[in-house]
Amino acid sequence: MPIYEKSTNQLLTEYLDSNVISGQIIDRDQIIAWFKKNYPKIKSNTVNCHIIKFTTNHRTRIHYNASPSNDKLFQLPDKRLRLYDPNVDPKPIYSNEEIDTQPVAEYGEEEKESNEFAYESHLRDYLKDNLQIIEPGLHLYRDEEDPTITGVEFDAGGKRIDVLALDKDENFVIIELKVSKGYEKVVGQLLRYKAWIKKNLSDSKKIRGIIIAKAITGDLRLAASEASDLTLYEYDLRVEVRKVV
């Protein structure tokens, strides 16, 4: 439910229509600061997620149910923004298929190898719909105001959490996926995400992490033994065939 009479989606649309002209370069912090001044009850993270949803070349928008009505912004290589221009900019992305064929923008994160991302995205997309196989009651995080903004590729201050979930007690669970081996550096990633969520989403709920990899290395086991509230999983893929004719 909207906190104010108008939703964040409506407010961001009106802000861009009234305050930004064609060709003008803006920073996402300008938008977040405007919301903080005029609509302080809306969380900065909610605003940032809507900015992503409105950015036509940001790949994470596919998880936010973006539609043509949201095609307002285009992200430049230096991460700044301008209004989307359909006459010169690539077509907006709405699906994984378009990510594979069009240049997409990232926000503060190094690119993965395309084949690694493809495999990891398949694993992620399966797990997001089947979180109960990890533990009973585990479910995908959704923004309180806009449930189309979910915990898939969740933006955490310029880094992406593979899946942000909630457990049966509504506490946060950060899930990091590795399609091959899981190494010790992922523990540092997870601790950074944990601190970000505590600061930006909740300082009262418990926050724990899960790392899922094809193989858990000895170094990762060792590092994880010193991190509280961290669980390690290994996964297997199975293929079944059935005769139809």
Foldseek 3Di string as FASTA:
>chain_A
DAPDPDHLLVVVVVCCVPPADAPDKAALVVVLVVCCVVPVVDFSLVNVLLVLLLAQQAVVVLLLQRDPVSPFWHADQVRIIHGDDPVPDDGGDNDPVVPVVDHHDAFQDDDDDPVQCVLLVVVLVVCQVVVCVVPPQKHWAADPRRRSDIQDLRDQPRHGQRTWIAGNVRAIEGEAEGAAEDAQVVVVVQVVSLVSCCVRPHVPGDYAYEYEYQHYDPRNVVNVVPDPRYYYYHDDDDDDDDDDD
